[in-house]
Amino acid sequence: MPKQVIHIFNGFQNPHGGSEQETLNLAHLLGKQSEVRLWSTSSRSSPELREKFGITPLGIAPRHRPNGGTYVFVGAHWRNTVWPYLAAVPQRLIYVFNTFHPKILTLTSKHPPLLRWPKTEYVFISEFQKKLVGVDGVVHPSPIDIDLFATVPGVARNRPVIGRLSRDTNDKHNEEDLVLYREWAAQGVGVRLQGATCLRDALGENTGIELLPEGATPAADFLRSLDVFYYRTGSHVETFGRVVLEAMACGLPVVCHRNGGYADSIRHGENGFLFDTTEQARQIVGALLADPALRTSVGQRARQTVESMYSKEALELRAAFYRQAPGQD
């Protein structure tokens, strides 16, 4: 009996992007029991990703459009293009809502009259996001290979190190954090920020703060160089915040602003910390930097949390959703 065919669509523009990594991890999960084909919706897709993962750019030529099965769009959509009218009608149409742009709901919830595609089924990556969007759907945490982020024996350091990891854009950073970075560095704490060269002008030179470009070090290796993970964004709202869960998988205590999908998984003071104000962040981080035992105990519970979220049983339940026949609950 032939395997079920699942087509997965994403822009695939940034090799280090969270949306791209989510898509590739989903493809790996579903590929264990189904035939998975990857498609790029963007003309600016990464050549590196296309070559490494066999991603096909979408187009009107027969080999550049899917031929039926289950269509799964991850942070990308099918509107305002020609190929959907030429491609085979999908048996199921699934949209993975991995961001928050209100216009996406309008684009994906209704089809043009000539497009005879089935009703869109929605997958959200956090309860936080589902409440923001306000429509029905299932909630599946963004797929993460937690084995890649397994904890390793601690390395003795002369001083504690705090840091964060993100895309290298201003909307991923909060200007109130600049004063905290300067304070921590002045206290002799190591401050490492990957994906933060956009802050160079604001922070100035000779601050003792290490600013690294996006992707300079593999995420797991970078996270293992830290003792505390700190995270707050600017205008960008993290509907999941996979980097926070990756840090927890590495056994790090995380200190994060409350406004994000990752907050669904953090029990304040137990497996991580949430804050609302800069002063709260300052106090929490100060306590962690002064107490290695607290860092260890919170980090251990953080790892246990992600092990439960991404257990074999939990992953199979999520994969089974995509393998369902049309109309099957």
Protein backbone atom coordinates (compact mmCIF):
# COMPACT_ATOMS: atom_id res chain seq x y z
CA MET A 1 0.00 0.00 0.00
CA PRO A 2 1.54 3.36 -1.01
CA LYS A 3 2.39 5.83 1.71
CA GLN A 4 0.19 8.84 2.28
CA VAL A 5 1.60 11.92 0.54
CA ILE A 6 1.90 15.09 2.62
CA HIS A 7 3.05 18.29 0.92
CA ILE A 8 4.54 20.91 3.26
CA PHE A 9 4.88 24.56 2.19
CA ASN A 10 7.02 27.36 3.64
CA GLY A 11 8.94 30.37 2.37
CA PHE A 12 12.25 28.71 3.34
CA GLN A 13 14.07 32.04 3.16
CA ASN A 14 16.24 31.94 6.28
CA PRO A 15 18.31 28.87 7.24
CA HIS A 16 18.30 30.12 10.84
CA GLY A 17 14.65 31.20 10.99
CA GLY A 18 12.24 29.74 13.51
CA SER A 19 9.53 29.18 10.90
CA GLU A 20 11.92 27.30 8.65
CA GLN A 21 13.21 25.16 11.51
CA GLU A 22 9.66 24.40 12.60
CA THR A 23 8.78 23.29 9.08
CA LEU A 24 11.83 21.05 8.75
CA ASN A 25 11.19 19.44 12.13
CA LEU A 26 7.56 18.82 11.17
CA ALA A 27 8.70 17.23 7.91
CA HIS A 28 11.07 14.95 9.82
CA LEU A 29 8.31 13.90 12.21
CA LEU A 30 5.74 13.18 9.48
CA GLY A 31 8.30 11.52 7.20
CA LYS A 32 8.57 8.54 9.54
CA GLN A 33 5.26 7.13 8.25
CA SER A 34 4.30 9.28 5.25
CA GLU A 35 5.88 10.48 2.03
CA VAL A 36 6.72 14.14 2.58
CA ARG A 37 7.49 16.66 -0.15
CA LEU A 38 8.74 20.17 0.59
CA TRP A 39 7.77 23.24 -1.43
CA SER A 40 8.98 26.83 -1.31
CA THR A 41 6.35 29.56 -1.65
CA SER A 42 8.93 32.35 -1.96
CA SER A 43 11.02 33.37 -4.94
CA ARG A 44 13.69 34.36 -2.39
CA SER A 45 14.03 30.92 -0.82
CA SER A 46 17.47 29.93 0.47
CA PRO A 47 19.60 28.01 -2.08
CA GLU A 48 21.28 26.31 0.88
CA LEU A 49 17.97 24.98 2.19
CA ARG A 50 16.70 23.99 -1.26
CA GLU A 51 19.79 21.92 -1.97
CA LYS A 52 20.12 20.34 1.46
CA PHE A 53 16.47 19.32 1.88
CA GLY A 54 15.30 18.82 -1.71
CA ILE A 55 12.86 21.73 -1.64
CA THR A 56 11.02 22.49 -4.89
CA PRO A 57 10.08 26.09 -5.77
CA LEU A 58 6.38 26.41 -6.60
CA GLY A 59 5.36 27.35 -10.12
CA ILE A 60 2.99 26.58 -12.97
CA ALA A 61 5.11 23.84 -14.58
CA PRO A 62 3.88 20.31 -13.76
CA ARG A 63 6.96 19.43 -11.69
CA HIS A 64 6.64 22.64 -9.71
CA ARG A 65 3.19 22.08 -8.26
CA PRO A 66 1.78 19.39 -5.95
CA ASN A 67 -0.33 16.54 -7.27
CA GLY A 68 -2.85 16.00 -4.49
CA GLY A 69 -2.77 14.55 -1.00
CA THR A 70 -2.62 16.59 2.18
CA TYR A 71 -1.39 20.19 1.84
CA VAL A 72 0.20 21.70 4.96
CA PHE A 73 1.13 25.39 4.87
CA VAL A 74 3.46 26.55 7.64
CA GLY A 75 3.46 30.32 7.95
CA ALA A 76 2.89 30.67 4.19
CA HIS A 77 -0.28 30.84 2.12
CA TRP A 78 -1.62 30.04 -1.35
CA ARG A 79 -3.48 33.22 -2.24
CA ASN A 80 -2.67 35.62 -5.11
CA THR A 81 -0.79 32.99 -7.11
CA VAL A 82 -1.66 30.93 -10.20
CA TRP A 83 -0.36 27.48 -9.30
CA PRO A 84 -3.25 26.49 -6.96
CA TYR A 85 -5.66 26.60 -9.93
CA LEU A 86 -3.42 24.21 -11.87
CA ALA A 87 -2.52 21.83 -9.03
CA ALA A 88 -4.61 18.84 -8.00
CA VAL A 89 -7.23 19.55 -5.34
CA PRO A 90 -5.93 18.51 -1.90
CA GLN A 91 -7.77 15.95 0.20
CA ARG A 92 -7.08 18.05 3.27
CA LEU A 93 -5.87 21.64 3.65
CA ILE A 94 -4.04 22.50 6.88
CA TYR A 95 -2.65 25.88 7.87
CA VAL A 96 -0.10 25.99 10.70
CA PHE A 97 -0.49 29.42 12.27
CA ASN A 98 3.05 30.11 13.47
CA THR A 99 2.88 33.90 13.56
CA PHE A 100 0.32 36.60 14.27
CA HIS A 101 -0.78 38.59 11.24
CA PRO A 102 -4.57 39.19 11.24
CA LYS A 103 -4.69 39.39 7.44
CA ILE A 104 -3.53 35.76 7.20
CA LEU A 105 -6.81 34.58 8.70
CA THR A 106 -8.73 36.43 5.99
CA LEU A 107 -6.51 35.02 3.26
CA THR A 108 -6.75 31.43 4.45
CA SER A 109 -10.29 31.08 5.79
CA LYS A 110 -12.13 31.68 2.51
CA HIS A 111 -11.26 30.56 -1.02
CA PRO A 112 -11.84 32.42 -4.29
CA PRO A 113 -14.93 31.07 -6.14
CA LEU A 114 -12.89 29.18 -8.74
CA LEU A 115 -10.65 27.43 -6.21
CA ARG A 116 -12.45 24.25 -5.14
CA TRP A 117 -10.22 23.45 -2.20
CA PRO A 118 -11.54 21.99 1.07
CA LYS A 119 -12.14 24.05 4.18
CA THR A 120 -8.97 25.09 5.98
CA GLU A 121 -8.08 23.28 9.19
CA TYR A 122 -5.97 25.30 11.63
CA VAL A 123 -3.07 24.25 13.81
CA PHE A 124 -1.88 26.73 16.44
CA ILE A 125 1.48 26.51 18.17
CA SER A 126 0.30 27.79 21.56
CA GLU A 127 -2.88 28.47 23.50
CA PHE A 128 -1.66 32.08 23.67
CA GLN A 129 -1.78 32.30 19.89
CA LYS A 130 -5.12 30.52 19.56
CA LYS A 131 -6.71 33.07 21.91
CA LEU A 132 -5.20 35.94 19.90
CA VAL A 133 -6.57 34.62 16.61
CA GLY A 134 -9.92 33.55 18.02
CA VAL A 135 -10.85 30.64 15.75
CA ASP A 136 -11.19 26.90 16.24
CA GLY A 137 -8.21 24.62 15.75
CA VAL A 138 -5.86 22.20 17.45
CA VAL A 139 -2.81 23.29 19.46
CA HIS A 140 0.52 21.59 18.72
CA PRO A 141 3.75 23.01 20.16
CA SER A 142 6.25 23.86 17.45
CA PRO A 143 8.30 20.70 16.72
CA ILE A 144 11.77 20.68 18.27
CA ASP A 145 14.42 17.96 18.22
CA ILE A 146 15.14 18.03 21.94
CA ASP A 147 17.87 15.40 21.58
CA LEU A 148 19.86 18.03 19.69
CA PHE A 149 19.57 20.28 22.72
CA ALA A 150 20.28 17.62 25.34
CA THR A 151 22.01 18.79 28.48
CA VAL A 152 25.75 18.14 28.78
CA PRO A 153 28.03 18.22 31.84
CA GLY A 154 28.58 21.78 32.95
CA VAL A 155 31.77 23.59 32.05
CA ALA A 156 33.54 25.40 34.87
CA ARG A 157 33.56 29.14 34.15
CA ASN A 158 35.26 32.01 35.93
CA ARG A 159 32.06 34.03 35.81
CA PRO A 160 28.39 33.37 35.00
CA VAL A 161 27.22 34.09 31.47
CA ILE A 162 23.80 35.40 30.48
CA GLY A 163 22.61 35.68 26.91
CA ARG A 164 19.97 35.30 24.25
CA LEU A 165 19.52 34.10 20.69
CA SER A 166 17.25 35.42 17.94
CA ARG A 167 16.95 36.73 14.42
CA ASP A 168 19.19 39.78 13.91
CA THR A 169 16.45 42.41 13.54
CA ASN A 170 15.43 45.32 15.73
CA ASP A 171 11.88 44.06 16.30
CA LYS A 172 13.34 41.03 18.10
CA HIS A 173 14.97 43.28 20.71
CA ASN A 174 13.62 45.60 23.39
CA GLU A 175 15.40 48.88 23.99
CA GLU A 176 14.79 48.62 27.76
CA ASP A 177 17.13 45.64 27.81
CA LEU A 178 20.13 47.72 26.75
CA VAL A 179 20.53 49.17 30.24
CA LEU A 180 20.35 45.67 31.72
CA TYR A 181 23.05 44.38 29.39
CA ARG A 182 25.31 47.27 30.39
CA GLU A 183 24.64 46.71 34.09
CA TRP A 184 25.37 42.99 33.93
CA ALA A 185 28.57 43.55 31.97
CA ALA A 186 29.68 46.22 34.48
CA GLN A 187 29.13 43.69 37.27
CA GLY A 188 31.58 41.32 35.57
CA VAL A 189 28.94 39.01 34.16
CA GLY A 190 29.50 37.60 30.68
CA VAL A 191 26.86 38.87 28.26
CA ARG A 192 26.52 37.02 24.94
CA LEU A 193 23.89 38.05 22.39
CA GLN A 194 23.63 36.12 19.12
CA GLY A 195 21.54 37.76 16.43
CA ALA A 196 22.24 41.19 17.91
CA THR A 197 24.62 43.06 15.63
CA CYS A 198 21.69 45.41 15.01
CA LEU A 199 22.32 46.71 18.56
CA ARG A 200 25.93 47.70 17.93
CA ASP A 201 25.25 51.41 17.38
CA ALA A 202 22.89 51.61 20.34
CA LEU A 203 25.27 49.84 22.73
CA GLY A 204 28.45 51.47 21.51
CA GLU A 205 31.95 50.02 21.57
CA ASN A 206 34.01 48.55 24.39
CA THR A 207 31.01 47.60 26.52
CA GLY A 208 32.19 44.08 27.33
CA ILE A 209 29.07 42.76 25.65
CA GLU A 210 29.59 40.12 22.96
CA LEU A 211 27.42 40.79 19.90
CA LEU A 212 27.29 37.95 17.39
CA PRO A 213 25.60 37.79 14.01
CA GLU A 214 22.64 35.52 13.43
CA GLY A 215 23.76 31.93 12.90
CA ALA A 216 27.36 32.54 14.00
CA THR A 217 27.24 29.43 16.20
CA PRO A 218 24.80 26.50 16.05
CA ALA A 219 21.93 27.19 18.44
CA ALA A 220 22.63 24.23 20.73
CA ASP A 221 26.32 25.11 21.06
CA PHE A 222 25.55 28.75 21.74
CA LEU A 223 22.96 27.94 24.40
CA ARG A 224 25.40 25.60 26.16
CA SER A 225 27.78 28.54 26.53
CA LEU A 226 25.25 30.27 28.82
CA ASP A 227 24.26 29.93 32.46
CA VAL A 228 21.04 31.97 32.18
CA PHE A 229 18.84 32.57 29.14
CA TYR A 230 17.11 35.96 28.96
CA TYR A 231 14.43 36.91 26.46
CA ARG A 232 12.22 39.86 25.65
CA THR A 233 11.25 41.20 22.24
CA GLY A 234 10.29 44.61 20.91
CA SER A 235 7.41 45.02 18.48
CA HIS A 236 7.56 41.37 17.46
CA VAL A 237 5.18 39.12 19.41
CA GLU A 238 6.43 35.56 19.89
CA THR A 239 3.40 33.33 19.43
CA PHE A 240 5.55 30.37 20.47
CA GLY A 241 9.19 31.36 20.89
CA ARG A 242 10.93 28.11 20.03
CA VAL A 243 14.31 29.47 21.14
CA VAL A 244 12.96 29.67 24.70
CA LEU A 245 11.97 26.00 24.60
CA GLU A 246 15.36 25.13 23.08
CA ALA A 247 17.04 26.89 26.00
CA MET A 248 14.86 24.93 28.43
CA ALA A 249 15.82 21.73 26.60
CA CYS A 250 19.46 22.60 27.27
CA GLY A 251 18.67 22.74 30.98
CA LEU A 252 18.95 26.51 31.26
CA PRO A 253 16.91 28.66 33.62
CA VAL A 254 14.96 31.03 31.38
CA VAL A 255 13.90 34.57 32.29
CA CYS A 256 11.32 35.85 29.82
CA HIS A 257 8.78 38.62 29.41
CA ARG A 258 5.30 37.31 30.05
CA ASN A 259 3.88 38.33 26.64
CA GLY A 260 4.62 35.29 24.49
CA GLY A 261 3.40 31.82 23.63
CA TYR A 262 6.30 30.26 25.54
CA ALA A 263 4.65 31.51 28.76
CA ASP A 264 2.14 28.65 28.42
CA SER A 265 4.97 26.26 29.31
CA ILE A 266 6.67 28.25 32.09
CA ARG A 267 5.59 27.86 35.71
CA HIS A 268 7.06 30.94 37.33
CA GLY A 269 9.70 30.13 39.92
CA GLU A 270 9.58 26.41 39.19
CA ASN A 271 10.84 25.68 35.66
CA GLY A 272 11.59 29.25 34.62
CA PHE A 273 10.71 32.85 35.34
CA LEU A 274 8.31 35.39 33.83
CA PHE A 275 8.42 39.15 34.30
CA ASP A 276 6.35 42.18 33.41
CA THR A 277 8.75 45.04 34.17
CA THR A 278 12.43 45.74 33.74
CA GLU A 279 12.90 45.95 37.50
CA GLN A 280 11.39 42.49 37.93
CA ALA A 281 13.80 41.16 35.30
CA ARG A 282 16.72 42.79 37.10
CA GLN A 283 15.77 41.19 40.43
CA ILE A 284 15.18 37.71 38.98
CA VAL A 285 18.43 37.66 37.04
CA GLY A 286 20.34 38.99 40.04
CA ALA A 287 19.07 36.13 42.19
CA LEU A 288 20.00 33.54 39.56
CA LEU A 289 23.48 34.94 38.97
CA ALA A 290 24.15 34.80 42.71
CA ASP A 291 22.87 31.25 43.22
CA PRO A 292 24.31 28.41 41.09
CA ALA A 293 22.16 25.84 42.90
CA LEU A 294 19.00 27.73 41.94
CA ARG A 295 20.14 27.86 38.33
CA THR A 296 20.70 24.11 38.35
CA SER A 297 17.39 23.15 39.96
CA VAL A 298 15.28 25.40 37.74
CA GLY A 299 17.19 24.24 34.66
CA GLN A 300 16.58 20.60 35.52
CA ARG A 301 12.84 21.18 35.81
CA ALA A 302 12.92 23.10 32.52
CA ARG A 303 14.45 20.07 30.82
CA GLN A 304 11.80 17.81 32.35
CA THR A 305 9.10 20.09 30.97
CA VAL A 306 10.26 19.82 27.38
CA GLU A 307 10.84 16.08 27.72
CA SER A 308 7.16 15.76 28.59
CA MET A 309 6.06 18.10 25.78
CA TYR A 310 8.08 16.19 23.19
CA SER A 311 7.77 12.64 24.47
CA LYS A 312 7.38 9.84 21.95
CA GLU A 313 3.70 9.52 22.84
CA ALA A 314 3.03 13.25 22.47
CA LEU A 315 4.78 13.41 19.10
CA GLU A 316 2.82 10.43 17.79
CA LEU A 317 -0.49 12.03 18.77
CA ARG A 318 0.43 15.18 16.83
CA ALA A 319 1.64 13.24 13.80
CA ALA A 320 -1.58 11.21 13.78
CA PHE A 321 -3.58 14.40 13.26
CA TYR A 322 -1.89 14.96 9.89
CA ARG A 323 -2.43 11.36 8.83
CA GLN A 324 -6.19 11.43 9.40
CA ALA A 325 -8.51 10.84 6.46
CA PRO A 326 -10.70 13.79 5.39
CA GLY A 327 -13.52 14.36 7.85
CA GLN A 328 -12.01 12.06 10.49
CA ASP A 329 -11.85 13.46 14.02
